Amino acid sequence: MDVFRAYTYTTAAWLSLQSLPLIAGPSMIVTLLLDETRPASPIELYFARCFGFSLLTIAVLTMMLTGSIPLTAGIRESVSTEDDDPKAPYAVPTLMVTSVFHTTCAFYAYTWYVSGGSGIFAVGVAGYSTIAAIGLWCMLFGSSNGRISRRNGADKRTAGFPFKNSEAAKKHNKGL
């Protein structure tokens, strides 16, 4: 499994994990957030469930727009993150948007952790920061077009300075 697929599945799993308590038990979540003990109002239940459904929708959209869920009937070659890939044309923009989302949520959870000191915010910071770091790695290294030589299989962007690329020379000499 490549890193981009791992990022996509991790994003969907993390958002789904957060949405399930909001959908299944919104009154419990609202009661945990209140300082005084009172039953949750209907508007609080409504907003908790809507937020849960929104997180679940973002998780499904992430899977669909990155090509992790094939939208065609036939199964062909694996989905890549290339810009010219017709099966996942929105993979890189979705990667960027979700990475910014995870970074923003990590920062928000961090500010709450620093001001309040609750341990659950530390879990949020750890989860969002990890996923945001993987997304940043994918944006930097996973979405660029590699220039692999068909003749010797070496990456054309590498240089021989200050060290010689002996592996590429071995492959090149085998082909001759």
C-alpha atoms as a PDB file:
ATOM      1  CA  MET A   1       0.000   0.000   0.000  1.00  0.00           C
ATOM      2  CA  ASP A   2       1.465   3.343  -0.952  1.00  0.00           C
ATOM      3  CA  VAL A   3       1.557   6.342   1.341  1.00  0.00           C
ATOM      4  CA  PHE A   4      -1.152   8.223  -0.536  1.00  0.00           C
ATOM      5  CA  ARG A   5      -3.633   5.374  -0.095  1.00  0.00           C
ATOM      6  CA  ALA A   6      -2.656   5.093   3.569  1.00  0.00           C
ATOM      7  CA  TYR A   7      -3.308   8.830   3.966  1.00  0.00           C
ATOM      8  CA  THR A   8      -6.695   8.531   2.281  1.00  0.00           C
ATOM      9  CA  TYR A   9      -7.816   5.561   4.367  1.00  0.00           C
ATOM     10  CA  THR A  10      -6.461   7.103   7.589  1.00  0.00           C
ATOM     11  CA  THR A  11      -8.298  10.367   6.905  1.00  0.00           C
ATOM     12  CA  ALA A  12     -11.554   8.542   6.275  1.00  0.00           C
ATOM     13  CA  ALA A  13     -11.131   6.352   9.353  1.00  0.00           C
ATOM     14  CA  TRP A  14     -10.247   9.273  11.644  1.00  0.00           C
ATOM     15  CA  LEU A  15     -13.207  11.368  10.477  1.00  0.00           C
ATOM     16  CA  SER A  16     -15.566   8.386  10.696  1.00  0.00           C
ATOM     17  CA  LEU A  17     -14.340   7.592  14.208  1.00  0.00           C
ATOM     18  CA  GLN A  18     -15.151  11.144  15.264  1.00  0.00           C
ATOM     19  CA  SER A  19     -18.546  11.150  13.552  1.00  0.00           C
ATOM     20  CA  LEU A  20     -19.909   7.954  15.099  1.00  0.00           C
ATOM     21  CA  PRO A  21     -20.355   9.252  18.680  1.00  0.00           C
ATOM     22  CA  LEU A  22     -21.896  12.456  17.368  1.00  0.00           C
ATOM     23  CA  ILE A  23     -24.448  10.507  15.334  1.00  0.00           C
ATOM     24  CA  ALA A  24     -25.136   7.646  17.748  1.00  0.00           C
ATOM     25  CA  GLY A  25     -25.135   9.479  21.077  1.00  0.00           C
ATOM     26  CA  PRO A  26     -25.406  13.235  20.648  1.00  0.00           C
ATOM     27  CA  SER A  27     -27.087  13.768  24.017  1.00  0.00           C
ATOM     28  CA  MET A  28     -24.135  12.116  25.781  1.00  0.00           C
ATOM     29  CA  ILE A  29     -21.634  14.291  23.880  1.00  0.00           C
ATOM     30  CA  VAL A  30     -23.590  17.471  24.626  1.00  0.00           C
ATOM     31  CA  THR A  31     -23.908  16.512  28.298  1.00  0.00           C
ATOM     32  CA  LEU A  32     -20.143  15.951  28.510  1.00  0.00           C
ATOM     33  CA  LEU A  33     -19.538  19.420  27.081  1.00  0.00           C
ATOM     34  CA  LEU A  34     -21.834  21.237  29.529  1.00  0.00           C
ATOM     35  CA  ASP A  35     -20.668  22.550  32.906  1.00  0.00           C
ATOM     36  CA  GLU A  36     -24.057  22.223  34.574  1.00  0.00           C
ATOM     37  CA  THR A  37     -26.194  19.118  34.429  1.00  0.00           C
ATOM     38  CA  ARG A  38     -29.268  19.600  32.303  1.00  0.00           C
ATOM     39  CA  PRO A  39     -30.776  17.710  29.408  1.00  0.00           C
ATOM     40  CA  ALA A  40     -29.558  18.644  25.954  1.00  0.00           C
ATOM     41  CA  SER A  41     -31.832  20.934  23.969  1.00  0.00           C
ATOM     42  CA  PRO A  42     -33.196  19.816  20.587  1.00  0.00           C
ATOM     43  CA  ILE A  43     -31.036  22.370  18.762  1.00  0.00           C
ATOM     44  CA  GLU A  44     -27.888  20.998  20.426  1.00  0.00           C
ATOM     45  CA  LEU A  45     -28.836  17.476  19.394  1.00  0.00           C
ATOM     46  CA  TYR A  46     -29.549  18.699  15.869  1.00  0.00           C
ATOM     47  CA  PHE A  47     -26.163  20.421  15.526  1.00  0.00           C
ATOM     48  CA  ALA A  48     -24.280  17.457  17.002  1.00  0.00           C
ATOM     49  CA  ARG A  49     -25.880  15.040  14.538  1.00  0.00           C
ATOM     50  CA  CYS A  50     -25.404  17.423  11.599  1.00  0.00           C
ATOM     51  CA  PHE A  51     -21.730  17.771  12.473  1.00  0.00           C
ATOM     52  CA  GLY A  52     -21.405  13.995  12.696  1.00  0.00           C
ATOM     53  CA  PHE A  53     -23.049  13.545   9.293  1.00  0.00           C
ATOM     54  CA  SER A  54     -20.794  16.291   7.883  1.00  0.00           C
ATOM     55  CA  LEU A  55     -17.657  14.503   9.092  1.00  0.00           C
ATOM     56  CA  LEU A  56     -18.923  11.251   7.605  1.00  0.00           C
ATOM     57  CA  THR A  57     -19.654  13.006   4.305  1.00  0.00           C
ATOM     58  CA  ILE A  58     -16.145  14.493   4.179  1.00  0.00           C
ATOM     59  CA  ALA A  59     -14.716  11.017   4.821  1.00  0.00           C
ATOM     60  CA  VAL A  60     -16.706   9.488   1.948  1.00  0.00           C
ATOM     61  CA  LEU A  61     -15.913  12.375  -0.396  1.00  0.00           C
ATOM     62  CA  THR A  62     -12.216  12.029   0.376  1.00  0.00           C
ATOM     63  CA  MET A  63     -12.334   8.356  -0.578  1.00  0.00           C
ATOM     64  CA  MET A  64     -14.300   9.021  -3.771  1.00  0.00           C
ATOM     65  CA  LEU A  65     -12.393  12.067  -5.040  1.00  0.00           C
ATOM     66  CA  THR A  66      -8.971  10.517  -4.538  1.00  0.00           C
ATOM     67  CA  GLY A  67      -9.898   7.407  -6.508  1.00  0.00           C
ATOM     68  CA  SER A  68      -9.692   4.999  -3.586  1.00  0.00           C
ATOM     69  CA  ILE A  69     -13.269   3.939  -4.291  1.00  0.00           C
ATOM     70  CA  PRO A  70     -13.460   3.176  -8.021  1.00  0.00           C
ATOM     71  CA  LEU A  71     -16.421   4.868  -9.645  1.00  0.00           C
ATOM     72  CA  THR A  72     -16.302   2.709 -12.771  1.00  0.00           C
ATOM     73  CA  ALA A  73     -17.654  -0.785 -13.208  1.00  0.00           C
ATOM     74  CA  GLY A  74     -14.423  -2.330 -14.483  1.00  0.00           C
ATOM     75  CA  ILE A  75     -11.321  -2.861 -12.410  1.00  0.00           C
ATOM     76  CA  ARG A  76      -8.227  -1.898 -14.329  1.00  0.00           C
ATOM     77  CA  GLU A  77      -4.763  -0.829 -13.270  1.00  0.00           C
ATOM     78  CA  SER A  78      -4.324   0.696  -9.830  1.00  0.00           C
ATOM     79  CA  VAL A  79      -5.239   4.316  -9.230  1.00  0.00           C
ATOM     80  CA  SER A  80      -2.310   6.699  -9.115  1.00  0.00           C
ATOM     81  CA  THR A  81      -2.007  10.278  -7.930  1.00  0.00           C
ATOM     82  CA  GLU A  82      -0.732  11.659 -11.206  1.00  0.00           C
ATOM     83  CA  ASP A  83      -2.265  14.938 -12.384  1.00  0.00           C
ATOM     84  CA  ASP A  84      -3.250  13.478 -15.772  1.00  0.00           C
ATOM     85  CA  ASP A  85      -4.939  10.390 -14.331  1.00  0.00           C
ATOM     86  CA  PRO A  86      -8.533  10.329 -15.652  1.00  0.00           C
ATOM     87  CA  LYS A  87      -9.734   8.058 -12.821  1.00  0.00           C
ATOM     88  CA  ALA A  88      -8.794  10.446 -10.026  1.00  0.00           C
ATOM     89  CA  PRO A  89      -8.600  13.977 -11.443  1.00  0.00           C
ATOM     90  CA  TYR A  90      -9.275  15.544  -8.040  1.00  0.00           C
ATOM     91  CA  ALA A  91      -6.758  13.514  -6.042  1.00  0.00           C
ATOM     92  CA  VAL A  92      -4.159  16.246  -5.548  1.00  0.00           C
ATOM     93  CA  PRO A  93      -6.651  19.069  -4.797  1.00  0.00           C
ATOM     94  CA  THR A  94      -8.453  16.805  -2.318  1.00  0.00           C
ATOM     95  CA  LEU A  95      -5.107  15.986  -0.726  1.00  0.00           C
ATOM     96  CA  MET A  96      -4.354  19.683  -0.319  1.00  0.00           C
ATOM     97  CA  VAL A  97      -7.751  20.573   1.142  1.00  0.00           C
ATOM     98  CA  THR A  98      -7.805  17.680   3.600  1.00  0.00           C
ATOM     99  CA  SER A  99      -4.217  18.379   4.676  1.00  0.00           C
ATOM    100  CA  VAL A 100      -5.109  22.005   5.408  1.00  0.00           C
ATOM    101  CA  PHE A 101      -8.194  20.761   7.294  1.00  0.00           C
ATOM    102  CA  HIS A 102      -6.107  18.401   9.437  1.00  0.00           C
ATOM    103  CA  THR A 103      -3.515  21.112  10.110  1.00  0.00           C
ATOM    104  CA  THR A 104      -6.197  23.595  11.150  1.00  0.00           C
ATOM    105  CA  CYS A 105      -7.888  21.070  13.431  1.00  0.00           C
ATOM    106  CA  ALA A 106      -4.527  20.129  14.977  1.00  0.00           C
ATOM    107  CA  PHE A 107      -3.792  23.777  15.709  1.00  0.00           C
ATOM    108  CA  TYR A 108      -7.283  24.295  17.153  1.00  0.00           C
ATOM    109  CA  ALA A 109      -6.989  21.228  19.392  1.00  0.00           C
ATOM    110  CA  TYR A 110      -3.531  22.372  20.477  1.00  0.00           C
ATOM    111  CA  THR A 111      -4.830  25.793  21.553  1.00  0.00           C
ATOM    112  CA  TRP A 112      -7.542  24.098  23.603  1.00  0.00           C
ATOM    113  CA  TYR A 113      -4.992  21.704  25.108  1.00  0.00           C
ATOM    114  CA  VAL A 114      -2.704  24.563  26.115  1.00  0.00           C
ATOM    115  CA  SER A 115      -5.512  26.651  27.620  1.00  0.00           C
ATOM    116  CA  GLY A 116      -7.409  23.825  29.344  1.00  0.00           C
ATOM    117  CA  GLY A 117      -4.956  20.993  29.697  1.00  0.00           C
ATOM    118  CA  SER A 118      -7.454  18.208  29.021  1.00  0.00           C
ATOM    119  CA  GLY A 119      -5.924  14.950  27.837  1.00  0.00           C
ATOM    120  CA  ILE A 120      -8.532  14.344  25.143  1.00  0.00           C
ATOM    121  CA  PHE A 121      -7.257  17.397  23.289  1.00  0.00           C
ATOM    122  CA  ALA A 122      -3.771  15.838  23.331  1.00  0.00           C
ATOM    123  CA  VAL A 123      -5.247  12.802  21.561  1.00  0.00           C
ATOM    124  CA  GLY A 124      -6.806  15.132  18.982  1.00  0.00           C
ATOM    125  CA  VAL A 125      -3.519  16.966  18.501  1.00  0.00           C
ATOM    126  CA  ALA A 126      -1.648  13.684  18.039  1.00  0.00           C
ATOM    127  CA  GLY A 127      -4.192  12.276  15.583  1.00  0.00           C
ATOM    128  CA  TYR A 128      -4.610  15.385  13.467  1.00  0.00           C
ATOM    129  CA  SER A 129      -0.879  16.212  13.492  1.00  0.00           C
ATOM    130  CA  THR A 130       0.076  12.718  12.365  1.00  0.00           C
ATOM    131  CA  ILE A 131      -2.394  12.742   9.503  1.00  0.00           C
ATOM    132  CA  ALA A 132      -1.420  16.309   8.542  1.00  0.00           C
ATOM    133  CA  ALA A 133       2.272  15.295   8.458  1.00  0.00           C
ATOM    134  CA  ILE A 134       1.489  12.345   6.200  1.00  0.00           C
ATOM    135  CA  GLY A 135      -0.540  14.672   3.951  1.00  0.00           C
ATOM    136  CA  LEU A 136       2.360  17.122   3.788  1.00  0.00           C
ATOM    137  CA  TRP A 137       4.699  14.270   2.875  1.00  0.00           C
ATOM    138  CA  CYS A 138       2.326  13.194   0.093  1.00  0.00           C
ATOM    139  CA  MET A 139       2.106  16.754  -1.237  1.00  0.00           C
ATOM    140  CA  LEU A 140       5.879  17.130  -1.264  1.00  0.00           C
ATOM    141  CA  PHE A 141       6.972  13.718  -2.493  1.00  0.00           C
ATOM    142  CA  GLY A 142       3.980  11.621  -3.506  1.00  0.00           C
ATOM    143  CA  SER A 143       2.331  13.799  -6.128  1.00  0.00           C
ATOM    144  CA  SER A 144       5.291  14.773  -8.308  1.00  0.00           C
ATOM    145  CA  ASN A 145       5.858  13.112 -11.614  1.00  0.00           C
ATOM    146  CA  GLY A 146       8.938  10.923 -11.483  1.00  0.00           C
ATOM    147  CA  ARG A 147      11.221  10.901 -14.466  1.00  0.00           C
ATOM    148  CA  ILE A 148      12.296   7.296 -14.726  1.00  0.00           C
ATOM    149  CA  SER A 149      14.470   6.371 -17.657  1.00  0.00           C
ATOM    150  CA  ARG A 150      13.086   3.538 -19.756  1.00  0.00           C
ATOM    151  CA  ARG A 151      16.568   2.481 -20.757  1.00  0.00           C
ATOM    152  CA  ASN A 152      18.235   2.041 -17.374  1.00  0.00           C
ATOM    153  CA  GLY A 153      15.414   2.546 -14.826  1.00  0.00           C
ATOM    154  CA  ALA A 154      17.170   5.376 -12.986  1.00  0.00           C
ATOM    155  CA  ASP A 155      15.558   8.643 -11.970  1.00  0.00           C
ATOM    156  CA  LYS A 156      16.659  11.333 -14.419  1.00  0.00           C
ATOM    157  CA  ARG A 157      16.444  14.082 -11.795  1.00  0.00           C
ATOM    158  CA  THR A 158      19.414  12.696  -9.848  1.00  0.00           C
ATOM    159  CA  ALA A 159      22.907  13.971 -10.438  1.00  0.00           C
ATOM    160  CA  GLY A 160      26.252  12.265 -10.063  1.00  0.00           C
ATOM    161  CA  PHE A 161      27.788  15.061  -8.016  1.00  0.00           C
ATOM    162  CA  PRO A 162      29.531  14.570  -5.562  1.00  0.00           C
ATOM    163  CA  PHE A 163      28.994  10.808  -5.623  1.00  0.00           C
ATOM    164  CA  LYS A 164      28.630   8.557  -8.624  1.00  0.00           C
ATOM    165  CA  ASN A 165      25.342   6.662  -9.068  1.00  0.00           C
ATOM    166  CA  SER A 166      26.810   3.183  -9.365  1.00  0.00           C
ATOM    167  CA  GLU A 167      23.443   1.356  -9.325  1.00  0.00           C
ATOM    168  CA  ALA A 168      22.244   3.233 -12.395  1.00  0.00           C
ATOM    169  CA  ALA A 169      25.554   2.518 -14.115  1.00  0.00           C
ATOM    170  CA  LYS A 170      25.162  -1.216 -13.365  1.00  0.00           C
ATOM    171  CA  LYS A 171      21.654  -1.276 -14.833  1.00  0.00           C
ATOM    172  CA  HIS A 172      22.809   0.696 -17.836  1.00  0.00           C
ATOM    173  CA  ASN A 173      25.729  -1.674 -18.503  1.00  0.00           C
ATOM    174  CA  LYS A 174      23.457  -4.735 -18.228  1.00  0.00           C
ATOM    175  CA  GLY A 175      21.207  -3.405 -20.961  1.00  0.00           C
ATOM    176  CA  LEU A 176      24.088  -2.914 -23.423  1.00  0.00           C
END
